[in-house]
Amino acid sequence: IISIHLPIVLTVLMPLLMGWPYTHILLPLHVIFLELVMDPTAAVAFENEPAEPDLMRKKPRPGDASLFSWKELGVSILQGLMITAGVFFMYHFAVNQGKNEPEVRSLVFATLVTANLFLTLANRSFEYALNRTIFYKNKMLPFILAISVLLLLAILYVPFLTSLFQMGAISTADLGSCALAGFASVMWFEVYKLIRVL
């Protein structure tokens, strides 16, 4: 929740506060859509996650322990800031390419959604890397990820939805760049998990 909401808030605020071109890059409709899609899909995905393999070998948490440790909170905030960096990289890249506001909005929106998809995969475990968690059995996860991708593609390429969301036409190469930015802004966490195990 923290990791994906922080970039949404900053994507709304920063262009306004900094006086960047296209200050209203995310409109209320986009924020509402992101809230309606990201929260329930992540909740359903994580509710169906299997328990960690070594769960019963871990010591129980103290009764007075908080729900989140400062370390977990810090990692979540850092994840959110890294996603924000990926989103703003695509924003400024698009502006420097001379793209208009709807096109820039498409790139920002696609980067946010793809980053959320990768975040869902990365945050299946705060301990084990993706090369292990990818084999966890969760029947809902592929379905949820597929629905999210189809919704993104529909908003970007179905004329009625593109017009409703005030998006601009972007090429498949642009969409690939968004996916790459989303991937890079999240997958550093996988490297962190692998290094921590060594």
C-alpha atoms as a PDB file:
ATOM      1  CA  ILE A   1       0.000   0.000   0.000  1.00  0.00           C
ATOM      2  CA  ILE A   2       2.742   2.447   0.972  1.00  0.00           C
ATOM      3  CA  SER A   3       5.000   1.500  -1.926  1.00  0.00           C
ATOM      4  CA  ILE A   4       2.454   2.250  -4.655  1.00  0.00           C
ATOM      5  CA  HIS A   5       0.519   5.097  -3.032  1.00  0.00           C
ATOM      6  CA  LEU A   6       3.623   7.217  -2.492  1.00  0.00           C
ATOM      7  CA  PRO A   7       4.368   7.462  -6.238  1.00  0.00           C
ATOM      8  CA  ILE A   8       0.723   8.244  -6.998  1.00  0.00           C
ATOM      9  CA  VAL A   9       0.713  11.122  -4.492  1.00  0.00           C
ATOM     10  CA  LEU A  10       4.086  12.452  -5.668  1.00  0.00           C
ATOM     11  CA  THR A  11       3.106  12.164  -9.346  1.00  0.00           C
ATOM     12  CA  VAL A  12       0.106  14.379  -8.616  1.00  0.00           C
ATOM     13  CA  LEU A  13       1.995  16.862  -6.419  1.00  0.00           C
ATOM     14  CA  MET A  14       5.483  17.275  -7.879  1.00  0.00           C
ATOM     15  CA  PRO A  15       4.605  18.726 -11.304  1.00  0.00           C
ATOM     16  CA  LEU A  16       2.352  21.254  -9.541  1.00  0.00           C
ATOM     17  CA  LEU A  17       4.894  22.199  -6.881  1.00  0.00           C
ATOM     18  CA  MET A  18       7.852  22.323  -9.275  1.00  0.00           C
ATOM     19  CA  GLY A  19       6.023  24.147 -12.060  1.00  0.00           C
ATOM     20  CA  TRP A  20       6.857  21.473 -14.631  1.00  0.00           C
ATOM     21  CA  PRO A  21       5.061  21.371 -17.981  1.00  0.00           C
ATOM     22  CA  TYR A  22       1.762  19.461 -17.889  1.00  0.00           C
ATOM     23  CA  THR A  23       1.098  20.046 -14.216  1.00  0.00           C
ATOM     24  CA  HIS A  24      -2.102  17.970 -14.200  1.00  0.00           C
ATOM     25  CA  ILE A  25      -0.535  14.813 -15.555  1.00  0.00           C
ATOM     26  CA  LEU A  26      -2.744  12.570 -13.395  1.00  0.00           C
ATOM     27  CA  LEU A  27      -6.380  13.603 -13.257  1.00  0.00           C
ATOM     28  CA  PRO A  28      -8.886  12.510 -10.571  1.00  0.00           C
ATOM     29  CA  LEU A  29     -10.167   9.792 -12.920  1.00  0.00           C
ATOM     30  CA  HIS A  30      -6.697   8.236 -13.116  1.00  0.00           C
ATOM     31  CA  VAL A  31      -6.204   8.304  -9.353  1.00  0.00           C
ATOM     32  CA  ILE A  32      -9.635   6.743  -8.781  1.00  0.00           C
ATOM     33  CA  PHE A  33      -8.908   4.047 -11.368  1.00  0.00           C
ATOM     34  CA  LEU A  34      -5.523   3.288  -9.808  1.00  0.00           C
ATOM     35  CA  GLU A  35      -7.135   3.067  -6.363  1.00  0.00           C
ATOM     36  CA  LEU A  36      -9.911   0.785  -7.612  1.00  0.00           C
ATOM     37  CA  VAL A  37      -7.568  -1.513  -9.511  1.00  0.00           C
ATOM     38  CA  MET A  38      -4.324  -1.585  -7.531  1.00  0.00           C
ATOM     39  CA  ASP A  39      -5.666  -2.029  -4.004  1.00  0.00           C
ATOM     40  CA  PRO A  40      -8.163  -4.853  -4.631  1.00  0.00           C
ATOM     41  CA  THR A  41      -5.896  -6.719  -7.046  1.00  0.00           C
ATOM     42  CA  ALA A  42      -2.954  -6.593  -4.649  1.00  0.00           C
ATOM     43  CA  ALA A  43      -5.201  -7.595  -1.742  1.00  0.00           C
ATOM     44  CA  VAL A  44      -6.657 -10.584  -3.598  1.00  0.00           C
ATOM     45  CA  ALA A  45      -3.213 -11.629  -4.835  1.00  0.00           C
ATOM     46  CA  PHE A  46      -1.570 -11.476  -1.412  1.00  0.00           C
ATOM     47  CA  GLU A  47      -4.518 -13.057   0.422  1.00  0.00           C
ATOM     48  CA  ASN A  48      -4.035 -16.144  -1.743  1.00  0.00           C
ATOM     49  CA  GLU A  49      -0.290 -16.346  -1.172  1.00  0.00           C
ATOM     50  CA  PRO A  50       0.933 -19.560   0.472  1.00  0.00           C
ATOM     51  CA  ALA A  51       2.804 -19.350   3.774  1.00  0.00           C
ATOM     52  CA  GLU A  52       6.591 -18.995   3.627  1.00  0.00           C
ATOM     53  CA  PRO A  53       8.266 -22.450   3.552  1.00  0.00           C
ATOM     54  CA  ASP A  54      10.103 -21.972   6.861  1.00  0.00           C
ATOM     55  CA  LEU A  55       7.314 -20.133   8.680  1.00  0.00           C
ATOM     56  CA  MET A  56       6.951 -22.697  11.464  1.00  0.00           C
ATOM     57  CA  ARG A  57      10.687 -22.607  12.187  1.00  0.00           C
ATOM     58  CA  LYS A  58      10.664 -18.874  12.939  1.00  0.00           C
ATOM     59  CA  LYS A  59      10.311 -17.530  16.453  1.00  0.00           C
ATOM     60  CA  PRO A  60       6.910 -15.948  17.132  1.00  0.00           C
ATOM     61  CA  ARG A  61       6.712 -12.184  17.139  1.00  0.00           C
ATOM     62  CA  PRO A  62       6.521 -10.572  20.573  1.00  0.00           C
ATOM     63  CA  GLY A  63       2.964  -9.759  21.622  1.00  0.00           C
ATOM     64  CA  ASP A  64       3.737  -6.040  21.855  1.00  0.00           C
ATOM     65  CA  ALA A  65       5.468  -5.851  18.451  1.00  0.00           C
ATOM     66  CA  SER A  66       4.023  -3.394  15.949  1.00  0.00           C
ATOM     67  CA  LEU A  67       2.511  -4.648  12.704  1.00  0.00           C
ATOM     68  CA  PHE A  68       5.398  -3.168  10.695  1.00  0.00           C
ATOM     69  CA  SER A  69       9.006  -2.859  11.761  1.00  0.00           C
ATOM     70  CA  TRP A  70      10.873   0.359  10.987  1.00  0.00           C
ATOM     71  CA  LYS A  71      12.974  -1.638   8.535  1.00  0.00           C
ATOM     72  CA  GLU A  72       9.909  -2.866   6.631  1.00  0.00           C
ATOM     73  CA  LEU A  73       8.454   0.638   6.633  1.00  0.00           C
ATOM     74  CA  GLY A  74      11.757   2.050   5.386  1.00  0.00           C
ATOM     75  CA  VAL A  75      11.960  -0.511   2.570  1.00  0.00           C
ATOM     76  CA  SER A  76       8.364   0.274   1.549  1.00  0.00           C
ATOM     77  CA  ILE A  77       9.077   4.019   1.429  1.00  0.00           C
ATOM     78  CA  LEU A  78      12.274   3.413  -0.552  1.00  0.00           C
ATOM     79  CA  GLN A  79      10.326   1.231  -2.999  1.00  0.00           C
ATOM     80  CA  GLY A  80       7.813   4.051  -3.433  1.00  0.00           C
ATOM     81  CA  LEU A  81      10.546   6.625  -4.033  1.00  0.00           C
ATOM     82  CA  MET A  82      12.268   4.403  -6.587  1.00  0.00           C
ATOM     83  CA  ILE A  83       8.990   3.910  -8.476  1.00  0.00           C
ATOM     84  CA  THR A  84       8.482   7.676  -8.368  1.00  0.00           C
ATOM     85  CA  ALA A  85      11.960   8.119  -9.866  1.00  0.00           C
ATOM     86  CA  GLY A  86      11.069   5.703 -12.673  1.00  0.00           C
ATOM     87  CA  VAL A  87       7.804   7.534 -13.351  1.00  0.00           C
ATOM     88  CA  PHE A  88       9.478  10.954 -13.446  1.00  0.00           C
ATOM     89  CA  PHE A  89      12.263   9.613 -15.643  1.00  0.00           C
ATOM     90  CA  MET A  90       9.614   8.656 -18.211  1.00  0.00           C
ATOM     91  CA  TYR A  91       7.823  11.988 -17.678  1.00  0.00           C
ATOM     92  CA  HIS A  92      10.925  14.062 -18.451  1.00  0.00           C
ATOM     93  CA  PHE A  93      12.023  11.703 -21.212  1.00  0.00           C
ATOM     94  CA  ALA A  94       8.646  12.164 -22.918  1.00  0.00           C
ATOM     95  CA  VAL A  95       8.683  15.956 -22.448  1.00  0.00           C
ATOM     96  CA  ASN A  96      12.207  16.169 -23.893  1.00  0.00           C
ATOM     97  CA  GLN A  97      11.041  14.062 -26.851  1.00  0.00           C
ATOM     98  CA  GLY A  98       8.457  16.781 -27.572  1.00  0.00           C
ATOM     99  CA  LYS A  99       5.445  14.622 -26.771  1.00  0.00           C
ATOM    100  CA  ASN A 100       2.172  16.376 -25.994  1.00  0.00           C
ATOM    101  CA  GLU A 101       0.306  16.189 -22.682  1.00  0.00           C
ATOM    102  CA  PRO A 102      -1.916  13.175 -23.502  1.00  0.00           C
ATOM    103  CA  GLU A 103       1.111  11.227 -24.754  1.00  0.00           C
ATOM    104  CA  VAL A 104       3.141  12.094 -21.639  1.00  0.00           C
ATOM    105  CA  ARG A 105       0.147  11.072 -19.508  1.00  0.00           C
ATOM    106  CA  SER A 106       0.034   7.693 -21.285  1.00  0.00           C
ATOM    107  CA  LEU A 107       3.712   7.058 -20.561  1.00  0.00           C
ATOM    108  CA  VAL A 108       3.394   8.088 -16.903  1.00  0.00           C
ATOM    109  CA  PHE A 109       0.248   6.002 -16.412  1.00  0.00           C
ATOM    110  CA  ALA A 110       1.732   2.939 -18.123  1.00  0.00           C
ATOM    111  CA  THR A 111       4.903   3.213 -16.020  1.00  0.00           C
ATOM    112  CA  LEU A 112       2.859   3.384 -12.812  1.00  0.00           C
ATOM    113  CA  VAL A 113       0.746   0.361 -13.725  1.00  0.00           C
ATOM    114  CA  THR A 114       3.659  -1.788 -14.912  1.00  0.00           C
ATOM    115  CA  ALA A 115       5.669  -0.857 -11.814  1.00  0.00           C
ATOM    116  CA  ASN A 116       2.734  -2.013  -9.699  1.00  0.00           C
ATOM    117  CA  LEU A 117       2.690  -5.347 -11.530  1.00  0.00           C
ATOM    118  CA  PHE A 118       6.393  -5.889 -10.867  1.00  0.00           C
ATOM    119  CA  LEU A 119       5.928  -4.691  -7.282  1.00  0.00           C
ATOM    120  CA  THR A 120       3.268  -7.349  -6.752  1.00  0.00           C
ATOM    121  CA  LEU A 121       5.773 -10.002  -7.838  1.00  0.00           C
ATOM    122  CA  ALA A 122       8.678  -8.560  -5.835  1.00  0.00           C
ATOM    123  CA  ASN A 123       6.710  -8.138  -2.615  1.00  0.00           C
ATOM    124  CA  ARG A 124       5.468 -11.710  -2.460  1.00  0.00           C
ATOM    125  CA  SER A 125       8.305 -12.086   0.022  1.00  0.00           C
ATOM    126  CA  PHE A 126      10.547  -9.624   1.842  1.00  0.00           C
ATOM    127  CA  GLU A 127      13.063 -12.444   2.349  1.00  0.00           C
ATOM    128  CA  TYR A 128      13.121 -14.698  -0.709  1.00  0.00           C
ATOM    129  CA  ALA A 129      13.984 -13.526  -4.218  1.00  0.00           C
ATOM    130  CA  LEU A 130      11.772 -13.879  -7.279  1.00  0.00           C
ATOM    131  CA  ASN A 131      13.693 -16.922  -8.536  1.00  0.00           C
ATOM    132  CA  ARG A 132      12.184 -18.768  -5.555  1.00  0.00           C
ATOM    133  CA  THR A 133       8.816 -17.056  -5.045  1.00  0.00           C
ATOM    134  CA  ILE A 134       7.880 -17.474  -8.718  1.00  0.00           C
ATOM    135  CA  PHE A 135       7.212 -21.134  -7.905  1.00  0.00           C
ATOM    136  CA  TYR A 136       4.812 -20.345  -5.052  1.00  0.00           C
ATOM    137  CA  LYS A 137       1.369 -21.696  -5.938  1.00  0.00           C
ATOM    138  CA  ASN A 138      -1.148 -18.874  -6.171  1.00  0.00           C
ATOM    139  CA  LYS A 139      -3.908 -19.522  -8.704  1.00  0.00           C
ATOM    140  CA  MET A 140      -5.242 -15.970  -8.487  1.00  0.00           C
ATOM    141  CA  LEU A 141      -1.970 -14.177  -9.224  1.00  0.00           C
ATOM    142  CA  PRO A 142      -1.656 -14.922 -12.988  1.00  0.00           C
ATOM    143  CA  PHE A 143      -5.344 -14.078 -13.435  1.00  0.00           C
ATOM    144  CA  ILE A 144      -4.974 -10.748 -11.608  1.00  0.00           C
ATOM    145  CA  LEU A 145      -1.804  -9.788 -13.472  1.00  0.00           C
ATOM    146  CA  ALA A 146      -3.442 -10.653 -16.816  1.00  0.00           C
ATOM    147  CA  ILE A 147      -6.539  -8.560 -15.999  1.00  0.00           C
ATOM    148  CA  SER A 148      -4.319  -5.605 -15.042  1.00  0.00           C
ATOM    149  CA  VAL A 149      -2.370  -5.842 -18.302  1.00  0.00           C
ATOM    150  CA  LEU A 150      -5.575  -6.096 -20.362  1.00  0.00           C
ATOM    151  CA  LEU A 151      -7.067  -3.057 -18.609  1.00  0.00           C
ATOM    152  CA  LEU A 152      -3.901  -1.058 -19.275  1.00  0.00           C
ATOM    153  CA  LEU A 153      -3.896  -2.038 -22.943  1.00  0.00           C
ATOM    154  CA  ALA A 154      -7.592  -1.218 -23.257  1.00  0.00           C
ATOM    155  CA  ILE A 155      -7.097   2.258 -21.777  1.00  0.00           C
ATOM    156  CA  LEU A 156      -4.141   2.920 -24.060  1.00  0.00           C
ATOM    157  CA  TYR A 157      -5.513   1.470 -27.301  1.00  0.00           C
ATOM    158  CA  VAL A 158      -9.335   1.298 -27.241  1.00  0.00           C
ATOM    159  CA  PRO A 159     -10.412   4.686 -28.670  1.00  0.00           C
ATOM    160  CA  PHE A 160     -13.391   5.237 -26.333  1.00  0.00           C
ATOM    161  CA  LEU A 161     -11.322   4.533 -23.203  1.00  0.00           C
ATOM    162  CA  THR A 162      -8.311   6.438 -24.543  1.00  0.00           C
ATOM    163  CA  SER A 163     -10.535   9.479 -25.014  1.00  0.00           C
ATOM    164  CA  LEU A 164     -12.250   9.040 -21.629  1.00  0.00           C
ATOM    165  CA  PHE A 165      -8.883   8.839 -19.816  1.00  0.00           C
ATOM    166  CA  GLN A 166      -7.445  11.654 -21.977  1.00  0.00           C
ATOM    167  CA  MET A 167      -4.557   9.496 -23.130  1.00  0.00           C
ATOM    168  CA  GLY A 168      -2.445   9.923 -26.228  1.00  0.00           C
ATOM    169  CA  ALA A 169      -1.332   7.315 -28.727  1.00  0.00           C
ATOM    170  CA  ILE A 170       1.960   5.655 -27.839  1.00  0.00           C
ATOM    171  CA  SER A 171       3.910   3.090 -29.792  1.00  0.00           C
ATOM    172  CA  THR A 172       4.683  -0.428 -28.624  1.00  0.00           C
ATOM    173  CA  ALA A 173       8.304   0.741 -28.243  1.00  0.00           C
ATOM    174  CA  ASP A 174       7.110   3.492 -25.879  1.00  0.00           C
ATOM    175  CA  LEU A 175       5.085   0.951 -23.933  1.00  0.00           C
ATOM    176  CA  GLY A 176       8.157  -1.264 -23.749  1.00  0.00           C
ATOM    177  CA  SER A 177      10.146   1.672 -22.357  1.00  0.00           C
ATOM    178  CA  CYS A 178       7.469   2.159 -19.690  1.00  0.00           C
ATOM    179  CA  ALA A 179       7.641  -1.517 -18.772  1.00  0.00           C
ATOM    180  CA  LEU A 180      11.440  -1.309 -18.596  1.00  0.00           C
ATOM    181  CA  ALA A 181      11.271   1.770 -16.347  1.00  0.00           C
ATOM    182  CA  GLY A 182       8.699   0.024 -14.147  1.00  0.00           C
ATOM    183  CA  PHE A 183      10.882  -3.089 -14.017  1.00  0.00           C
ATOM    184  CA  ALA A 184      14.049  -1.171 -13.125  1.00  0.00           C
ATOM    185  CA  SER A 185      12.295   0.899 -10.459  1.00  0.00           C
ATOM    186  CA  VAL A 186      11.170  -2.257  -8.624  1.00  0.00           C
ATOM    187  CA  MET A 187      13.643  -5.033  -9.347  1.00  0.00           C
ATOM    188  CA  TRP A 188      16.513  -3.424  -7.423  1.00  0.00           C
ATOM    189  CA  PHE A 189      14.695  -4.961  -4.442  1.00  0.00           C
ATOM    190  CA  GLU A 190      15.332  -8.421  -5.874  1.00  0.00           C
ATOM    191  CA  VAL A 191      19.062  -7.648  -6.034  1.00  0.00           C
ATOM    192  CA  TYR A 192      18.879  -6.427  -2.426  1.00  0.00           C
ATOM    193  CA  LYS A 193      17.262  -9.701  -1.333  1.00  0.00           C
ATOM    194  CA  LEU A 194      19.843 -11.802  -3.159  1.00  0.00           C
ATOM    195  CA  ILE A 195      22.757  -9.826  -1.671  1.00  0.00           C
ATOM    196  CA  ARG A 196      21.284 -10.086   1.814  1.00  0.00           C
ATOM    197  CA  VAL A 197      21.186 -13.889   1.562  1.00  0.00           C
ATOM    198  CA  LEU A 198      24.888 -14.100   0.523  1.00  0.00           C
END
